[in-house]
Amino acid sequence: MNRKKKRALKSADVAHTIGDIIVEFKGEDVRLLDLRGLTDIADWFVIASAQSRRHLRMLGEDLVEQIKRENIGPFNIEGLNSESWVIIDLFDIVVHLFIPERREYFGLEDYWADAPVEIIGNHP
C-alpha cells in the first residue's frame, strides 16, 4: 500500500474516532465530510452542534482533552471563548463545533455539498 493511501486511511479512522467522541460527549448532528480530492485544505471536516453556548465550550474542552489522551495531533484550537464556533485543526482533519444558529449561518455543509457525507450517531 502506498504512503498516500495509508495516510488517507489513517485520517478517515481519526475522523471517525473524533465523531464518536463528540457523540459520546452529547454533540448533536455529527457529520463527517470527506474532502479528499476536493481541496487541499483538509482531508476531512467533522461538523457538530452543541446544545448551548456552555455545552459548546465544554464539548470543545472535553474533545481537546480526549485528543491529547488518544495522542491524536498535533493540533491547534480556536474559539473556546467565542461562545459560537470552536475550530480544532488537526491538519488533515478540521473539527467545527457550533451552536445551531451559527452552524446554519455559515452553512459549511452547503458550501461543501459535493463532499460525501457520513452521519455519526443520532441526528435531528
PDB file of N, CA and C in Angstrom:
ATOM      1  N   MET A   1       0.848  -1.170   0.000  1.00  0.00           N
ATOM      2  CA  MET A   1       0.000   0.000   0.000  1.00  0.00           C
ATOM      3  C   MET A   1       0.895   1.234   0.000  1.00  0.00           C
ATOM      4  N   ASN A   2       0.561   2.216  -0.851  1.00  0.00           N
ATOM      5  CA  ASN A   2       1.425   3.393  -0.909  1.00  0.00           C
ATOM      6  C   ASN A   2       1.195   4.319   0.283  1.00  0.00           C
ATOM      7  N   ARG A   3       2.131   5.215   0.501  1.00  0.00           N
ATOM      8  CA  ARG A   3       2.110   6.102   1.663  1.00  0.00           C
ATOM      9  C   ARG A   3       0.863   6.986   1.687  1.00  0.00           C
ATOM     10  N   LYS A   4       0.472   7.537   0.526  1.00  0.00           N
ATOM     11  CA  LYS A   4      -0.685   8.421   0.485  1.00  0.00           C
ATOM     12  C   LYS A   4      -1.950   7.670   0.901  1.00  0.00           C
ATOM     13  N   LYS A   5      -2.126   6.436   0.432  1.00  0.00           N
ATOM     14  CA  LYS A   5      -3.303   5.655   0.797  1.00  0.00           C
ATOM     15  C   LYS A   5      -3.300   5.363   2.294  1.00  0.00           C
ATOM     16  N   LYS A   6      -2.142   5.015   2.880  1.00  0.00           N
ATOM     17  CA  LYS A   6      -2.062   4.786   4.326  1.00  0.00           C
ATOM     18  C   LYS A   6      -2.481   6.039   5.082  1.00  0.00           C
ATOM     19  N   ARG A   7      -1.990   7.208   4.635  1.00  0.00           N
ATOM     20  CA  ARG A   7      -2.330   8.472   5.283  1.00  0.00           C
ATOM     21  C   ARG A   7      -3.825   8.736   5.192  1.00  0.00           C
ATOM     22  N   ALA A   8      -4.410   8.475   4.020  1.00  0.00           N
ATOM     23  CA  ALA A   8      -5.837   8.696   3.833  1.00  0.00           C
ATOM     24  C   ALA A   8      -6.647   7.786   4.746  1.00  0.00           C
ATOM     25  N   LEU A   9      -6.240   6.514   4.862  1.00  0.00           N
ATOM     26  CA  LEU A   9      -6.940   5.610   5.756  1.00  0.00           C
ATOM     27  C   LEU A   9      -6.815   6.067   7.198  1.00  0.00           C
ATOM     28  N   LYS A  10      -5.642   6.515   7.547  1.00  0.00           N
ATOM     29  CA  LYS A  10      -5.443   6.996   8.910  1.00  0.00           C
ATOM     30  C   LYS A  10      -6.322   8.207   9.195  1.00  0.00           C
ATOM     31  N   SER A  11      -6.384   9.162   8.288  1.00  0.00           N
ATOM     32  CA  SER A  11      -7.205  10.347   8.542  1.00  0.00           C
ATOM     33  C   SER A  11      -8.680   9.968   8.626  1.00  0.00           C
ATOM     34  N   ALA A  12      -9.121   8.984   7.844  1.00  0.00           N
ATOM     35  CA  ALA A  12     -10.511   8.527   7.921  1.00  0.00           C
ATOM     36  C   ALA A  12     -10.784   7.898   9.287  1.00  0.00           C
ATOM     37  N   ASP A  13      -9.853   7.076   9.754  1.00  0.00           N
ATOM     38  CA  ASP A  13     -10.015   6.448  11.072  1.00  0.00           C
ATOM     39  C   ASP A  13     -10.074   7.497  12.179  1.00  0.00           C
ATOM     40  N   VAL A  14      -9.197   8.477  12.097  1.00  0.00           N
ATOM     41  CA  VAL A  14      -9.169   9.534  13.114  1.00  0.00           C
ATOM     42  C   VAL A  14     -10.456  10.363  13.048  1.00  0.00           C
ATOM     43  N   ALA A  15     -10.918  10.681  11.858  1.00  0.00           N
ATOM     44  CA  ALA A  15     -12.167  11.453  11.721  1.00  0.00           C
ATOM     45  C   ALA A  15     -13.329  10.701  12.360  1.00  0.00           C
ATOM     46  N   HIS A  16     -13.401   9.397  12.128  1.00  0.00           N
ATOM     47  CA  HIS A  16     -14.464   8.600  12.733  1.00  0.00           C
ATOM     48  C   HIS A  16     -14.330   8.532  14.256  1.00  0.00           C
ATOM     49  N   THR A  17     -13.107   8.408  14.739  1.00  0.00           N
ATOM     50  CA  THR A  17     -12.883   8.399  16.182  1.00  0.00           C
ATOM     51  C   THR A  17     -13.345   9.713  16.804  1.00  0.00           C
ATOM     52  N   ILE A  18     -13.006  10.817  16.175  1.00  0.00           N
ATOM     53  CA  ILE A  18     -13.420  12.126  16.688  1.00  0.00           C
ATOM     54  C   ILE A  18     -14.938  12.250  16.660  1.00  0.00           C
ATOM     55  N   GLY A  19     -15.559  11.806  15.581  1.00  0.00           N
ATOM     56  CA  GLY A  19     -17.024  11.823  15.512  1.00  0.00           C
ATOM     57  C   GLY A  19     -17.647  11.033  16.649  1.00  0.00           C
ATOM     58  N   ASP A  20     -17.104   9.853  16.929  1.00  0.00           N
ATOM     59  CA  ASP A  20     -17.619   9.024  18.024  1.00  0.00           C
ATOM     60  C   ASP A  20     -17.435   9.710  19.383  1.00  0.00           C
ATOM     61  N   ILE A  21     -16.299  10.365  19.571  1.00  0.00           N
ATOM     62  CA  ILE A  21     -16.046  11.078  20.831  1.00  0.00           C
ATOM     63  C   ILE A  21     -17.058  12.209  20.993  1.00  0.00           C
ATOM     64  N   ILE A  22     -17.324  12.941  19.937  1.00  0.00           N
ATOM     65  CA  ILE A  22     -18.288  14.046  20.002  1.00  0.00           C
ATOM     66  C   ILE A  22     -19.662  13.513  20.385  1.00  0.00           C
ATOM     67  N   VAL A  23     -20.083  12.396  19.791  1.00  0.00           N
ATOM     68  CA  VAL A  23     -21.372  11.792  20.140  1.00  0.00           C
ATOM     69  C   VAL A  23     -21.377  11.396  21.617  1.00  0.00           C
ATOM     70  N   GLU A  24     -20.274  10.820  22.079  1.00  0.00           N
ATOM     71  CA  GLU A  24     -20.166  10.416  23.484  1.00  0.00           C
ATOM     72  C   GLU A  24     -20.358  11.609  24.419  1.00  0.00           C
ATOM     73  N   PHE A  25     -19.869  12.782  24.011  1.00  0.00           N
ATOM     74  CA  PHE A  25     -19.996  13.988  24.828  1.00  0.00           C
ATOM     75  C   PHE A  25     -21.244  14.786  24.485  1.00  0.00           C
ATOM     76  N   LYS A  26     -22.222  14.119  23.870  1.00  0.00           N
ATOM     77  CA  LYS A  26     -23.556  14.677  23.603  1.00  0.00           C
ATOM     78  C   LYS A  26     -23.578  15.750  22.521  1.00  0.00           C
ATOM     79  N   GLY A  27     -22.569  15.745  21.629  1.00  0.00           N
ATOM     80  CA  GLY A  27     -22.651  16.608  20.456  1.00  0.00           C
ATOM     81  C   GLY A  27     -23.774  16.118  19.567  1.00  0.00           C
ATOM     82  N   GLU A  28     -24.374  17.018  18.828  1.00  0.00           N
ATOM     83  CA  GLU A  28     -25.540  16.679  18.013  1.00  0.00           C
ATOM     84  C   GLU A  28     -25.256  16.862  16.531  1.00  0.00           C
ATOM     85  N   ASP A  29     -26.010  16.128  15.717  1.00  0.00           N
ATOM     86  CA  ASP A  29     -25.960  16.238  14.253  1.00  0.00           C
ATOM     87  C   ASP A  29     -24.508  16.196  13.757  1.00  0.00           C
ATOM     88  N   VAL A  30     -23.800  15.141  14.147  1.00  0.00           N
ATOM     89  CA  VAL A  30     -22.378  14.986  13.816  1.00  0.00           C
ATOM     90  C   VAL A  30     -22.260  14.453  12.394  1.00  0.00           C
ATOM     91  N   ARG A  31     -21.506  15.180  11.581  1.00  0.00           N
ATOM     92  CA  ARG A  31     -21.324  14.791  10.185  1.00  0.00           C
ATOM     93  C   ARG A  31     -19.850  14.820   9.816  1.00  0.00           C
ATOM     94  N   LEU A  32     -19.451  13.820   9.051  1.00  0.00           N
ATOM     95  CA  LEU A  32     -18.096  13.762   8.516  1.00  0.00           C
ATOM     96  C   LEU A  32     -18.186  14.078   7.031  1.00  0.00           C
ATOM     97  N   LEU A  33     -17.458  15.095   6.605  1.00  0.00           N
ATOM     98  CA  LEU A  33     -17.391  15.451   5.193  1.00  0.00           C
ATOM     99  C   LEU A  33     -16.043  15.008   4.655  1.00  0.00           C
ATOM    100  N   ASP A  34     -16.068  14.149   3.654  1.00  0.00           N
ATOM    101  CA  ASP A  34     -14.851  13.623   3.039  1.00  0.00           C
ATOM    102  C   ASP A  34     -14.424  14.591   1.939  1.00  0.00           C
ATOM    103  N   LEU A  35     -13.399  15.377   2.226  1.00  0.00           N
ATOM    104  CA  LEU A  35     -12.933  16.411   1.296  1.00  0.00           C
ATOM    105  C   LEU A  35     -11.789  15.946   0.405  1.00  0.00           C
ATOM    106  N   ARG A  36     -11.375  14.693   0.561  1.00  0.00           N
ATOM    107  CA  ARG A  36     -10.262  14.192  -0.244  1.00  0.00           C
ATOM    108  C   ARG A  36     -10.624  14.303  -1.724  1.00  0.00           C
ATOM    109  N   GLY A  37      -9.722  14.887  -2.472  1.00  0.00           N
ATOM    110  CA  GLY A  37      -9.945  15.073  -3.903  1.00  0.00           C
ATOM    111  C   GLY A  37     -10.695  16.339  -4.252  1.00  0.00           C
ATOM    112  N   LEU A  38     -11.229  17.040  -3.257  1.00  0.00           N
ATOM    113  CA  LEU A  38     -11.962  18.286  -3.498  1.00  0.00           C
ATOM    114  C   LEU A  38     -11.153  19.528  -3.168  1.00  0.00           C
ATOM    115  N   THR A  39     -10.227  19.402  -2.211  1.00  0.00           N
ATOM    116  CA  THR A  39      -9.458  20.550  -1.748  1.00  0.00           C
ATOM    117  C   THR A  39      -8.187  20.074  -1.059  1.00  0.00           C
ATOM    118  N   ASP A  40      -7.234  20.988  -0.927  1.00  0.00           N
ATOM    119  CA  ASP A  40      -6.020  20.700  -0.166  1.00  0.00           C
ATOM    120  C   ASP A  40      -6.115  21.232   1.258  1.00  0.00           C
ATOM    121  N   ILE A  41      -7.234  21.846   1.612  1.00  0.00           N
ATOM    122  CA  ILE A  41      -7.415  22.413   2.952  1.00  0.00           C
ATOM    123  C   ILE A  41      -7.297  21.328   4.011  1.00  0.00           C
ATOM    124  N   ALA A  42      -7.993  20.219   3.790  1.00  0.00           N
ATOM    125  CA  ALA A  42      -8.012  19.101   4.739  1.00  0.00           C
ATOM    126  C   ALA A  42      -8.585  17.890   4.025  1.00  0.00           C
ATOM    127  N   ASP A  43      -8.381  16.721   4.622  1.00  0.00           N
ATOM    128  CA  ASP A  43      -8.999  15.504   4.099  1.00  0.00           C
ATOM    129  C   ASP A  43     -10.444  15.374   4.576  1.00  0.00           C
ATOM    130  N   TRP A  44     -10.679  15.831   5.799  1.00  0.00           N
ATOM    131  CA  TRP A  44     -11.996  15.670   6.427  1.00  0.00           C
ATOM    132  C   TRP A  44     -12.386  16.919   7.199  1.00  0.00           C
ATOM    133  N   PHE A  45     -13.675  17.238   7.187  1.00  0.00           N
ATOM    134  CA  PHE A  45     -14.286  18.152   8.143  1.00  0.00           C
ATOM    135  C   PHE A  45     -15.180  17.295   9.025  1.00  0.00           C
ATOM    136  N   VAL A  46     -15.099  17.514  10.320  1.00  0.00           N
ATOM    137  CA  VAL A  46     -16.044  16.938  11.265  1.00  0.00           C
ATOM    138  C   VAL A  46     -16.852  18.115  11.786  1.00  0.00           C
ATOM    139  N   ILE A  47     -18.161  18.072  11.579  1.00  0.00           N
ATOM    140  CA  ILE A  47     -19.035  19.186  11.939  1.00  0.00           C
ATOM    141  C   ILE A  47     -20.085  18.682  12.921  1.00  0.00           C
ATOM    142  N   ALA A  48     -20.282  19.456  13.992  1.00  0.00           N
ATOM    143  CA  ALA A  48     -21.260  19.061  15.005  1.00  0.00           C
ATOM    144  C   ALA A  48     -21.841  20.297  15.682  1.00  0.00           C
ATOM    145  N   SER A  49     -22.999  20.108  16.293  1.00  0.00           N
ATOM    146  CA  SER A  49     -23.653  21.174  17.042  1.00  0.00           C
ATOM    147  C   SER A  49     -23.627  20.860  18.525  1.00  0.00           C
ATOM    148  N   ALA A  50     -23.574  21.924  19.310  1.00  0.00           N
ATOM    149  CA  ALA A  50     -23.687  21.819  20.763  1.00  0.00           C
ATOM    150  C   ALA A  50     -25.084  22.294  21.153  1.00  0.00           C
ATOM    151  N   GLN A  51     -25.525  21.892  22.322  1.00  0.00           N
ATOM    152  CA  GLN A  51     -26.873  22.210  22.779  1.00  0.00           C
ATOM    153  C   GLN A  51     -27.015  23.646  23.275  1.00  0.00           C
ATOM    154  N   SER A  52     -25.903  24.253  23.662  1.00  0.00           N
ATOM    155  CA  SER A  52     -25.923  25.614  24.200  1.00  0.00           C
ATOM    156  C   SER A  52     -24.503  26.179  24.134  1.00  0.00           C
ATOM    157  N   ARG A  53     -24.359  27.452  24.459  1.00  0.00           N
ATOM    158  CA  ARG A  53     -23.025  28.061  24.480  1.00  0.00           C
ATOM    159  C   ARG A  53     -22.133  27.383  25.533  1.00  0.00           C
ATOM    160  N   ARG A  54     -22.718  27.094  26.679  1.00  0.00           N
ATOM    161  CA  ARG A  54     -21.952  26.421  27.734  1.00  0.00           C
ATOM    162  C   ARG A  54     -21.532  25.018  27.276  1.00  0.00           C
ATOM    163  N   HIS A  55     -22.466  24.297  26.663  1.00  0.00           N
ATOM    164  CA  HIS A  55     -22.143  22.959  26.165  1.00  0.00           C
ATOM    165  C   HIS A  55     -21.062  23.034  25.090  1.00  0.00           C
ATOM    166  N   LEU A  56     -21.091  24.063  24.255  1.00  0.00           N
ATOM    167  CA  LEU A  56     -20.072  24.231  23.214  1.00  0.00           C
ATOM    168  C   LEU A  56     -18.680  24.304  23.839  1.00  0.00           C
ATOM    169  N   ARG A  57     -18.550  25.124  24.842  1.00  0.00           N
ATOM    170  CA  ARG A  57     -17.243  25.262  25.499  1.00  0.00           C
ATOM    171  C   ARG A  57     -16.805  23.945  26.136  1.00  0.00           C
ATOM    172  N   MET A  58     -17.726  23.292  26.848  1.00  0.00           N
ATOM    173  CA  MET A  58     -17.403  22.022  27.498  1.00  0.00           C
ATOM    174  C   MET A  58     -17.080  20.943  26.460  1.00  0.00           C
ATOM    175  N   LEU A  59     -17.834  20.914  25.371  1.00  0.00           N
ATOM    176  CA  LEU A  59     -17.589  19.946  24.308  1.00  0.00           C
ATOM    177  C   LEU A  59     -16.195  20.156  23.711  1.00  0.00           C
ATOM    178  N   GLY A  60     -15.846  21.406  23.454  1.00  0.00           N
ATOM    179  CA  GLY A  60     -14.511  21.717  22.939  1.00  0.00           C
ATOM    180  C   GLY A  60     -13.418  21.311  23.899  1.00  0.00           C
ATOM    181  N   GLU A  61     -13.579  21.654  25.169  1.00  0.00           N
ATOM    182  CA  GLU A  61     -12.571  21.302  26.177  1.00  0.00           C
ATOM    183  C   GLU A  61     -12.443  19.791  26.340  1.00  0.00           C
ATOM    184  N   ASP A  62     -13.584  19.103  26.405  1.00  0.00           N
ATOM    185  CA  ASP A  62     -13.556  17.648  26.562  1.00  0.00           C
ATOM    186  C   ASP A  62     -12.941  16.969  25.344  1.00  0.00           C
ATOM    187  N   LEU A  63     -13.246  17.472  24.156  1.00  0.00           N
ATOM    188  CA  LEU A  63     -12.686  16.892  22.941  1.00  0.00           C
ATOM    189  C   LEU A  63     -11.174  17.086  22.887  1.00  0.00           C
ATOM    190  N   VAL A  64     -10.708  18.265  23.253  1.00  0.00           N
ATOM    191  CA  VAL A  64      -9.262  18.518  23.275  1.00  0.00           C
ATOM    192  C   VAL A  64      -8.581  17.579  24.275  1.00  0.00           C
ATOM    193  N   GLU A  65      -9.168  17.406  25.439  1.00  0.00           N
ATOM    194  CA  GLU A  65      -8.595  16.503  26.441  1.00  0.00           C
ATOM    195  C   GLU A  65      -8.518  15.071  25.899  1.00  0.00           C
ATOM    196  N   GLN A  66      -9.576  14.633  25.220  1.00  0.00           N
ATOM    197  CA  GLN A  66      -9.592  13.282  24.664  1.00  0.00           C
ATOM    198  C   GLN A  66      -8.582  13.141  23.521  1.00  0.00           C
ATOM    199  N   ILE A  67      -8.436  14.176  22.711  1.00  0.00           N
ATOM    200  CA  ILE A  67      -7.446  14.172  21.626  1.00  0.00           C
ATOM    201  C   ILE A  67      -6.043  13.999  22.215  1.00  0.00           C
ATOM    202  N   LYS A  68      -5.785  14.685  23.320  1.00  0.00           N
ATOM    203  CA  LYS A  68      -4.488  14.547  23.985  1.00  0.00           C
ATOM    204  C   LYS A  68      -4.298  13.134  24.522  1.00  0.00           C
ATOM    205  N   ARG A  69      -5.331  12.576  25.162  1.00  0.00           N
ATOM    206  CA  ARG A  69      -5.243  11.217  25.711  1.00  0.00           C
ATOM    207  C   ARG A  69      -4.997  10.173  24.626  1.00  0.00           C
ATOM    208  N   GLU A  70      -5.636  10.372  23.470  1.00  0.00           N
ATOM    209  CA  GLU A  70      -5.522   9.413  22.363  1.00  0.00           C
ATOM    210  C   GLU A  70      -4.253   9.648  21.534  1.00  0.00           C
ATOM    211  N   ASN A  71      -3.470  10.668  21.903  1.00  0.00           N
ATOM    212  CA  ASN A  71      -2.266  11.036  21.150  1.00  0.00           C
ATOM    213  C   ASN A  71      -2.574  11.360  19.695  1.00  0.00           C
ATOM    214  N   ILE A  72      -3.702  12.003  19.473  1.00  0.00           N
ATOM    215  CA  ILE A  72      -4.054  12.478  18.137  1.00  0.00           C
ATOM    216  C   ILE A  72      -3.512  13.902  18.055  1.00  0.00           C
ATOM    217  N   GLY A  73      -2.759  14.191  17.054  1.00  0.00           N
ATOM    218  CA  GLY A  73      -2.239  15.536  16.982  1.00  0.00           C
ATOM    219  C   GLY A  73      -1.009  15.574  16.128  1.00  0.00           C
ATOM    220  N   PRO A  74      -0.360  16.660  16.057  1.00  0.00           N
ATOM    221  CA  PRO A  74      -0.560  17.929  16.770  1.00  0.00           C
ATOM    222  C   PRO A  74      -1.833  18.633  16.297  1.00  0.00           C
ATOM    223  N   PHE A  75      -2.241  19.638  17.053  1.00  0.00           N
ATOM    224  CA  PHE A  75      -3.455  20.348  16.703  1.00  0.00           C
ATOM    225  C   PHE A  75      -3.377  21.796  17.167  1.00  0.00           C
ATOM    226  N   ASN A  76      -4.248  22.605  16.583  1.00  0.00           N
ATOM    227  CA  ASN A  76      -4.456  23.986  17.015  1.00  0.00           C
ATOM    228  C   ASN A  76      -5.932  24.133  17.326  1.00  0.00           C
ATOM    229  N   ILE A  77      -6.255  24.988  18.291  1.00  0.00           N
ATOM    230  CA  ILE A  77      -7.653  25.219  18.647  1.00  0.00           C
ATOM    231  C   ILE A  77      -7.923  26.713  18.690  1.00  0.00           C
ATOM    232  N   GLU A  78      -9.075  27.086  18.191  1.00  0.00           N
ATOM    233  CA  GLU A  78      -9.520  28.481  18.221  1.00  0.00           C
ATOM    234  C   GLU A  78     -10.978  28.523  18.654  1.00  0.00           C
ATOM    235  N   GLY A  79     -11.339  29.549  19.388  1.00  0.00           N
ATOM    236  CA  GLY A  79     -12.739  29.829  19.657  1.00  0.00           C
ATOM    237  C   GLY A  79     -13.322  29.283  20.933  1.00  0.00           C
ATOM    238  N   LEU A  80     -12.516  28.716  21.820  1.00  0.00           N
ATOM    239  CA  LEU A  80     -13.108  28.197  23.054  1.00  0.00           C
ATOM    240  C   LEU A  80     -13.847  29.274  23.835  1.00  0.00           C
ATOM    241  N   ASN A  81     -13.430  30.501  23.691  1.00  0.00           N
ATOM    242  CA  ASN A  81     -14.103  31.595  24.397  1.00  0.00           C
ATOM    243  C   ASN A  81     -15.092  32.349  23.514  1.00  0.00           C
ATOM    244  N   SER A  82     -15.290  31.898  22.283  1.00  0.00           N
ATOM    245  CA  SER A  82     -16.143  32.637  21.349  1.00  0.00           C
ATOM    246  C   SER A  82     -17.627  32.451  21.619  1.00  0.00           C
ATOM    247  N   GLU A  83     -18.001  31.347  22.236  1.00  0.00           N
ATOM    248  CA  GLU A  83     -19.378  31.017  22.551  1.00  0.00           C
ATOM    249  C   GLU A  83     -20.253  30.769  21.337  1.00  0.00           C
ATOM    250  N   SER A  84     -19.647  30.552  20.146  1.00  0.00           N
ATOM    251  CA  SER A  84     -20.484  30.236  18.991  1.00  0.00           C
ATOM    252  C   SER A  84     -19.852  29.242  18.026  1.00  0.00           C
ATOM    253  N   TRP A  85     -18.499  29.178  17.969  1.00  0.00           N
ATOM    254  CA  TRP A  85     -17.840  28.311  16.996  1.00  0.00           C
ATOM    255  C   TRP A  85     -16.448  27.962  17.505  1.00  0.00           C
ATOM    256  N   VAL A  86     -16.177  26.690  17.657  1.00  0.00           N
ATOM    257  CA  VAL A  86     -14.859  26.202  18.056  1.00  0.00           C
ATOM    258  C   VAL A  86     -14.279  25.435  16.871  1.00  0.00           C
ATOM    259  N   ILE A  87     -13.034  25.721  16.549  1.00  0.00           N
ATOM    260  CA  ILE A  87     -12.342  25.024  15.464  1.00  0.00           C
ATOM    261  C   ILE A  87     -11.122  24.332  16.053  1.00  0.00           C
ATOM    262  N   ILE A  88     -11.013  23.043  15.773  1.00  0.00           N
ATOM    263  CA  ILE A  88      -9.841  22.270  16.164  1.00  0.00           C
ATOM    264  C   ILE A  88      -9.206  21.787  14.863  1.00  0.00           C
ATOM    265  N   ASP A  89      -8.018  22.268  14.592  1.00  0.00           N
ATOM    266  CA  ASP A  89      -7.329  21.971  13.341  1.00  0.00           C
ATOM    267  C   ASP A  89      -6.266  20.904  13.595  1.00  0.00           C
ATOM    268  N   LEU A  90      -6.518  19.716  13.056  1.00  0.00           N
ATOM    269  CA  LEU A  90      -5.576  18.601  13.161  1.00  0.00           C
ATOM    270  C   LEU A  90      -4.825  18.411  11.848  1.00  0.00           C
ATOM    271  N   PHE A  91      -4.851  19.438  11.013  1.00  0.00           N
ATOM    272  CA  PHE A  91      -4.179  19.493   9.716  1.00  0.00           C
ATOM    273  C   PHE A  91      -4.890  18.659   8.656  1.00  0.00           C
ATOM    274  N   ASP A  92      -4.950  17.334   8.781  1.00  0.00           N
ATOM    275  CA  ASP A  92      -5.706  16.528   7.822  1.00  0.00           C
ATOM    276  C   ASP A  92      -7.205  16.573   8.112  1.00  0.00           C
ATOM    277  N   ILE A  93      -7.540  16.913   9.351  1.00  0.00           N
ATOM    278  CA  ILE A  93      -8.933  16.940   9.811  1.00  0.00           C
ATOM    279  C   ILE A  93      -9.170  18.266  10.507  1.00  0.00           C
ATOM    280  N   VAL A  94     -10.283  18.911  10.166  1.00  0.00           N
ATOM    281  CA  VAL A  94     -10.669  20.139  10.850  1.00  0.00           C
ATOM    282  C   VAL A  94     -12.031  19.895  11.483  1.00  0.00           C
ATOM    283  N   VAL A  95     -12.097  20.098  12.795  1.00  0.00           N
ATOM    284  CA  VAL A  95     -13.327  19.897  13.552  1.00  0.00           C
ATOM    285  C   VAL A  95     -13.990  21.258  13.752  1.00  0.00           C
ATOM    286  N   HIS A  96     -15.268  21.326  13.405  1.00  0.00           N
ATOM    287  CA  HIS A  96     -16.058  22.549  13.570  1.00  0.00           C
ATOM    288  C   HIS A  96     -17.189  22.237  14.545  1.00  0.00           C
ATOM    289  N   LEU A  97     -17.180  22.896  15.692  1.00  0.00           N
ATOM    290  CA  LEU A  97     -18.247  22.757  16.682  1.00  0.00           C
ATOM    291  C   LEU A  97     -18.990  24.084  16.739  1.00  0.00           C
ATOM    292  N   PHE A  98     -20.297  24.033  16.593  1.00  0.00           N
ATOM    293  CA  PHE A  98     -21.109  25.249  16.525  1.00  0.00           C
ATOM    294  C   PHE A  98     -22.267  25.206  17.510  1.00  0.00           C
ATOM    295  N   ILE A  99     -22.780  26.393  17.857  1.00  0.00           N
ATOM    296  CA  ILE A  99     -24.140  26.448  18.351  1.00  0.00           C
ATOM    297  C   ILE A  99     -25.005  26.410  17.082  1.00  0.00           C
ATOM    298  N   PRO A 100     -26.216  25.889  17.166  1.00  0.00           N
ATOM    299  CA  PRO A 100     -27.011  25.662  15.945  1.00  0.00           C
ATOM    300  C   PRO A 100     -27.199  26.892  15.051  1.00  0.00           C
ATOM    301  N   GLU A 101     -27.410  28.069  15.629  1.00  0.00           N
ATOM    302  CA  GLU A 101     -27.633  29.271  14.810  1.00  0.00           C
ATOM    303  C   GLU A 101     -26.413  29.602  13.951  1.00  0.00           C
ATOM    304  N   ARG A 102     -25.231  29.460  14.515  1.00  0.00           N
ATOM    305  CA  ARG A 102     -24.003  29.770  13.773  1.00  0.00           C
ATOM    306  C   ARG A 102     -23.724  28.714  12.709  1.00  0.00           C
ATOM    307  N   ARG A 103     -24.034  27.486  13.031  1.00  0.00           N
ATOM    308  CA  ARG A 103     -23.855  26.423  12.040  1.00  0.00           C
ATOM    309  C   ARG A 103     -24.736  26.696  10.816  1.00  0.00           C
ATOM    310  N   GLU A 104     -25.958  27.052  11.073  1.00  0.00           N
ATOM    311  CA  GLU A 104     -26.867  27.369   9.965  1.00  0.00           C
ATOM    312  C   GLU A 104     -26.379  28.594   9.198  1.00  0.00           C
ATOM    313  N   TYR A 105     -25.934  29.620   9.915  1.00  0.00           N
ATOM    314  CA  TYR A 105     -25.472  30.860   9.287  1.00  0.00           C
ATOM    315  C   TYR A 105     -24.296  30.605   8.339  1.00  0.00           C
ATOM    316  N   PHE A 106     -23.306  29.825   8.790  1.00  0.00           N
ATOM    317  CA  PHE A 106     -22.112  29.598   7.974  1.00  0.00           C
ATOM    318  C   PHE A 106     -22.329  28.539   6.896  1.00  0.00           C
ATOM    319  N   GLY A 107     -23.201  27.609   7.106  1.00  0.00           N
ATOM    320  CA  GLY A 107     -23.585  26.642   6.087  1.00  0.00           C
ATOM    321  C   GLY A 107     -22.440  25.868   5.448  1.00  0.00           C
ATOM    322  N   LEU A 108     -21.533  25.362   6.254  1.00  0.00           N
ATOM    323  CA  LEU A 108     -20.400  24.614   5.698  1.00  0.00           C
ATOM    324  C   LEU A 108     -20.841  23.402   4.890  1.00  0.00           C
ATOM    325  N   GLU A 109     -21.883  22.717   5.357  1.00  0.00           N
ATOM    326  CA  GLU A 109     -22.362  21.546   4.614  1.00  0.00           C
ATOM    327  C   GLU A 109     -22.868  21.944   3.232  1.00  0.00           C
ATOM    328  N   ASP A 110     -23.491  23.113   3.132  1.00  0.00           N
ATOM    329  CA  ASP A 110     -23.965  23.585   1.828  1.00  0.00           C
ATOM    330  C   ASP A 110     -22.792  23.986   0.937  1.00  0.00           C
ATOM    331  N   TYR A 111     -21.815  24.652   1.525  1.00  0.00           N
ATOM    332  CA  TYR A 111     -20.651  25.091   0.756  1.00  0.00           C
ATOM    333  C   TYR A 111     -19.892  23.897   0.187  1.00  0.00           C
ATOM    334  N   TRP A 112     -19.777  22.842   0.972  1.00  0.00           N
ATOM    335  CA  TRP A 112     -19.067  21.634   0.555  1.00  0.00           C
ATOM    336  C   TRP A 112     -20.055  20.542   0.156  1.00  0.00           C
ATOM    337  N   ALA A 113     -21.105  20.899  -0.537  1.00  0.00           N
ATOM    338  CA  ALA A 113     -22.171  19.962  -0.906  1.00  0.00           C
ATOM    339  C   ALA A 113     -21.694  18.817  -1.800  1.00  0.00           C
ATOM    340  N   ASP A 114     -20.567  18.990  -2.495  1.00  0.00           N
ATOM    341  CA  ASP A 114     -20.034  17.923  -3.346  1.00  0.00           C
ATOM    342  C   ASP A 114     -19.315  16.838  -2.549  1.00  0.00           C
ATOM    343  N   ALA A 115     -19.061  17.089  -1.282  1.00  0.00           N
ATOM    344  CA  ALA A 115     -18.324  16.131  -0.459  1.00  0.00           C
ATOM    345  C   ALA A 115     -19.254  15.011   0.012  1.00  0.00           C
ATOM    346  N   PRO A 116     -18.779  13.769  -0.066  1.00  0.00           N
ATOM    347  CA  PRO A 116     -19.545  12.680   0.545  1.00  0.00           C
ATOM    348  C   PRO A 116     -19.679  12.943   2.048  1.00  0.00           C
ATOM    349  N   VAL A 117     -20.867  12.639   2.588  1.00  0.00           N
ATOM    350  CA  VAL A 117     -21.164  12.923   3.994  1.00  0.00           C
ATOM    351  C   VAL A 117     -21.556  11.630   4.701  1.00  0.00           C
ATOM    352  N   GLU A 118     -21.038  11.486   5.913  1.00  0.00           N
ATOM    353  CA  GLU A 118     -21.454  10.378   6.760  1.00  0.00           C
ATOM    354  C   GLU A 118     -21.986  10.959   8.058  1.00  0.00           C
ATOM    355  N   ILE A 119     -23.143  10.492   8.468  1.00  0.00           N
ATOM    356  CA  ILE A 119     -23.747  10.938   9.721  1.00  0.00           C
ATOM    357  C   ILE A 119     -23.345   9.966  10.821  1.00  0.00           C
ATOM    358  N   ILE A 120     -22.885  10.522  11.940  1.00  0.00           N
ATOM    359  CA  ILE A 120     -22.427   9.722  13.067  1.00  0.00           C
ATOM    360  C   ILE A 120     -23.436   9.892  14.213  1.00  0.00           C
ATOM    361  N   GLY A 121     -23.861   8.793  14.796  1.00  0.00           N
ATOM    362  CA  GLY A 121     -24.794   8.847  15.925  1.00  0.00           C
ATOM    363  C   GLY A 121     -26.171   9.324  15.504  1.00  0.00           C
ATOM    364  N   ASN A 122     -26.911   9.796  16.482  1.00  0.00           N
ATOM    365  CA  ASN A 122     -28.274  10.291  16.237  1.00  0.00           C
ATOM    366  C   ASN A 122     -28.235  11.673  15.655  1.00  0.00           C
ATOM    367  N   HIS A 123     -29.221  11.990  14.871  1.00  0.00           N
ATOM    368  CA  HIS A 123     -29.330  13.329  14.308  1.00  0.00           C
ATOM    369  C   HIS A 123     -30.786  13.730  14.248  1.00  0.00           C
ATOM    370  N   PRO A 124     -31.046  15.054  14.231  1.00  0.00           N
ATOM    371  CA  PRO A 124     -32.446  15.511  14.221  1.00  0.00           C
ATOM    372  C   PRO A 124     -33.134  15.169  12.922  1.00  0.00           C
TER     373      PRO A 124
END
